[in-house]
Amino acid sequence: MQHIIKTGETLYSISRDYRVSIPALLVANPHITNVNMIQAGWSILIPGLPDPRTIPYKIVVSKGNRTLQLLRNQTLVKRYPIAVGKMLTQTPVGSFVIVNREPNPGGPYGAMWLSLSKAGYGIHGTNNPSSIGKDVSHGCIRMYNLDVLELSRQVPNGTSVTIQ
């Protein structure tokens, strides 16, 4: 997939966000000859992820409504209730992709973890189902365990996630 470098991003931060090593980024982007000399606006290839435009699914998260919508070919498939970040640890707004997943990650993350292309953030289940519908997380998107499992069976890595 292609990533457009944003102001303030470094090769290290991009590597961390997409969970791809710097050497793998350099192999995929031979035009980068100095890891410290990348520029905002450049397009770089993120190896191992499909182009999100080739995936029929999209996820749209509404922080205000505390809902996650799964769309297939722009048609609503399902709307799920979620929990989002609290005031001091808000859920980030923007466009991301699912970069990897981990079933049964343990702890408060419930039955599934779907990593977003922003380090430390994801869509995951919960061991506290009473938190759904509230602003209580550390910035992640919490779902009921059955819902996140259903979602994860449908969407591949590379699926775009818009949080608004």
Protein backbone atom coordinates (compact mmCIF):
# COMPACT_ATOMS: atom_id res chain seq x y z
CA MET A 1 0.00 0.00 0.00
CA GLN A 2 1.09 3.59 -0.50
CA HIS A 3 1.54 6.00 2.40
CA ILE A 4 1.84 9.75 1.94
CA ILE A 5 4.37 11.10 4.41
CA LYS A 6 2.90 13.73 6.73
CA THR A 7 4.70 16.66 8.33
CA GLY A 8 6.61 15.48 11.38
CA GLU A 9 6.75 11.83 10.39
CA THR A 10 10.06 10.02 10.29
CA LEU A 11 10.96 6.69 8.79
CA TYR A 12 11.13 5.39 12.36
CA SER A 13 7.60 6.61 13.21
CA ILE A 14 6.21 5.16 9.96
CA SER A 15 7.99 1.87 10.70
CA ARG A 16 6.47 1.82 14.19
CA ASP A 17 2.96 2.78 13.00
CA TYR A 18 2.83 0.08 10.32
CA ARG A 19 4.83 -2.54 12.26
CA VAL A 20 7.32 -2.86 9.40
CA SER A 21 11.08 -2.78 9.89
CA ILE A 22 13.12 0.13 8.54
CA PRO A 23 15.21 -2.26 6.39
CA ALA A 24 11.98 -3.60 4.83
CA LEU A 25 10.83 -0.02 4.13
CA LEU A 26 14.18 0.78 2.52
CA VAL A 27 14.07 -2.33 0.31
CA ALA A 28 10.54 -1.44 -0.82
CA ASN A 29 11.52 2.21 -1.43
CA PRO A 30 14.95 2.30 -3.11
CA HIS A 31 14.49 6.03 -3.82
CA ILE A 32 15.09 6.67 -0.10
CA THR A 33 18.85 6.94 0.11
CA ASN A 34 19.09 8.61 3.51
CA VAL A 35 16.72 7.57 6.31
CA ASN A 36 16.95 11.07 7.79
CA MET A 37 16.00 12.83 4.57
CA ILE A 38 12.35 12.06 3.88
CA GLN A 39 9.86 14.78 3.09
CA ALA A 40 6.20 15.42 3.74
CA GLY A 41 4.21 14.70 0.62
CA TRP A 42 6.40 11.84 -0.58
CA SER A 43 4.60 8.60 -1.34
CA ILE A 44 6.22 5.46 0.00
CA LEU A 45 5.31 1.81 -0.33
CA ILE A 46 4.41 -0.05 2.85
CA PRO A 47 5.33 -3.67 2.09
CA GLY A 48 3.03 -6.49 3.10
CA LEU A 49 -0.24 -4.56 3.05
CA PRO A 50 -2.70 -4.49 0.16
CA ASP A 51 -3.91 -1.22 -1.30
CA PRO A 52 -7.02 -0.31 0.78
CA ARG A 53 -8.79 0.75 -2.44
CA THR A 54 -8.78 -2.90 -3.55
CA ILE A 55 -10.64 -4.01 -0.40
CA PRO A 56 -14.44 -3.77 -0.60
CA TYR A 57 -14.73 -3.14 3.15
CA LYS A 58 -14.34 0.15 5.00
CA ILE A 59 -14.81 0.96 8.66
CA VAL A 60 -16.17 4.32 9.82
CA VAL A 61 -16.02 5.13 13.53
CA SER A 62 -18.15 7.91 15.00
CA LYS A 63 -16.70 8.95 18.34
CA GLY A 64 -19.70 11.15 19.08
CA ASN A 65 -22.25 8.42 18.40
CA ARG A 66 -19.98 5.70 19.81
CA THR A 67 -20.61 3.50 16.80
CA LEU A 68 -18.49 1.58 14.33
CA GLN A 69 -20.00 1.09 10.89
CA LEU A 70 -18.85 -1.68 8.59
CA LEU A 71 -19.39 -0.82 4.94
CA ARG A 72 -19.04 -3.12 1.95
CA ASN A 73 -18.90 -1.36 -1.42
CA GLN A 74 -20.21 1.79 0.31
CA THR A 75 -23.28 -0.08 1.64
CA LEU A 76 -23.83 -0.41 5.38
CA VAL A 77 -23.36 -4.02 6.47
CA LYS A 78 -23.66 -3.50 10.22
CA ARG A 79 -23.44 -0.85 12.92
CA TYR A 80 -21.78 -1.85 16.19
CA PRO A 81 -21.83 -0.09 19.58
CA ILE A 82 -18.35 0.81 20.86
CA ALA A 83 -16.47 2.55 23.63
CA VAL A 84 -13.93 5.27 22.82
CA GLY A 85 -11.20 7.17 24.61
CA LYS A 86 -11.84 9.27 27.67
CA MET A 87 -11.08 13.00 27.79
CA LEU A 88 -7.41 12.66 28.75
CA THR A 89 -6.73 9.74 26.38
CA GLN A 90 -8.91 10.47 23.39
CA THR A 91 -9.31 8.23 20.38
CA PRO A 92 -7.33 9.77 17.50
CA VAL A 93 -9.23 11.22 14.56
CA GLY A 94 -8.09 10.48 11.02
CA SER A 95 -7.59 7.83 8.38
CA PHE A 96 -5.85 4.59 9.28
CA VAL A 97 -5.66 0.97 8.12
CA ILE A 98 -5.70 -2.33 9.95
CA VAL A 99 -2.09 -3.52 9.89
CA ASN A 100 -2.26 -6.78 11.83
CA ARG A 101 -4.32 -8.76 14.32
CA GLU A 102 -3.88 -10.90 17.38
CA PRO A 103 -6.51 -13.31 18.67
CA ASN A 104 -6.85 -13.59 22.45
CA PRO A 105 -4.27 -10.91 23.29
CA GLY A 106 -5.05 -11.19 26.99
CA GLY A 107 -5.70 -8.59 29.64
CA PRO A 108 -8.34 -5.96 28.94
CA TYR A 109 -8.23 -6.51 25.16
CA GLY A 110 -10.80 -9.27 25.03
CA ALA A 111 -11.04 -11.84 22.27
CA MET A 112 -9.29 -9.97 19.41
CA TRP A 113 -6.92 -7.08 18.74
CA LEU A 114 -6.88 -5.33 15.35
CA SER A 115 -3.88 -2.97 15.21
CA LEU A 116 -4.34 0.38 13.51
CA SER A 117 -1.64 2.21 11.56
CA LYS A 118 -1.00 4.42 14.57
CA ALA A 119 1.22 2.73 17.14
CA GLY A 120 -0.56 1.85 20.36
CA TYR A 121 -4.09 2.09 18.96
CA GLY A 122 -6.47 -0.59 17.83
CA ILE A 123 -9.95 -2.00 17.66
CA HIS A 124 -10.36 -4.71 20.28
CA GLY A 125 -12.70 -6.68 22.46
CA THR A 126 -13.07 -6.08 26.16
CA ASN A 127 -13.13 -7.91 29.45
CA ASN A 128 -15.50 -5.17 30.69
CA PRO A 129 -18.64 -5.27 28.50
CA SER A 130 -20.39 -2.66 30.67
CA SER A 131 -17.93 -0.07 29.27
CA ILE A 132 -19.41 -0.22 25.75
CA GLY A 133 -21.22 3.01 24.90
CA LYS A 134 -18.96 5.11 27.09
CA ASP A 135 -15.86 7.32 26.83
CA VAL A 136 -13.58 5.17 28.97
CA SER A 137 -10.69 3.69 26.96
CA HIS A 138 -7.09 4.84 26.66
CA GLY A 139 -7.82 5.82 23.05
CA CYS A 140 -8.62 2.46 21.51
CA ILE A 141 -11.97 1.41 20.11
CA ARG A 142 -13.57 -1.22 22.34
CA MET A 143 -16.19 -3.64 21.11
CA TYR A 144 -18.12 -6.52 22.58
CA ASN A 145 -16.05 -9.68 22.13
CA LEU A 146 -18.59 -11.36 19.83
CA ASP A 147 -18.77 -8.19 17.71
CA VAL A 148 -15.00 -7.82 17.28
CA LEU A 149 -14.73 -11.50 16.37
CA GLU A 150 -17.49 -11.08 13.77
CA LEU A 151 -15.80 -7.96 12.40
CA SER A 152 -12.35 -9.58 12.26
CA ARG A 153 -13.68 -12.52 10.23
CA GLN A 154 -14.90 -10.11 7.55
CA VAL A 155 -12.18 -7.47 7.20
CA PRO A 156 -8.64 -8.23 6.03
CA ASN A 157 -5.49 -6.40 6.99
CA GLY A 158 -5.28 -3.26 4.86
CA THR A 159 -8.93 -2.32 5.48
CA SER A 160 -9.31 1.43 5.81
CA VAL A 161 -10.57 2.84 9.12
CA THR A 162 -11.84 6.40 9.32
CA ILE A 163 -12.31 7.82 12.81
CA GLN A 164 -14.32 11.02 13.07
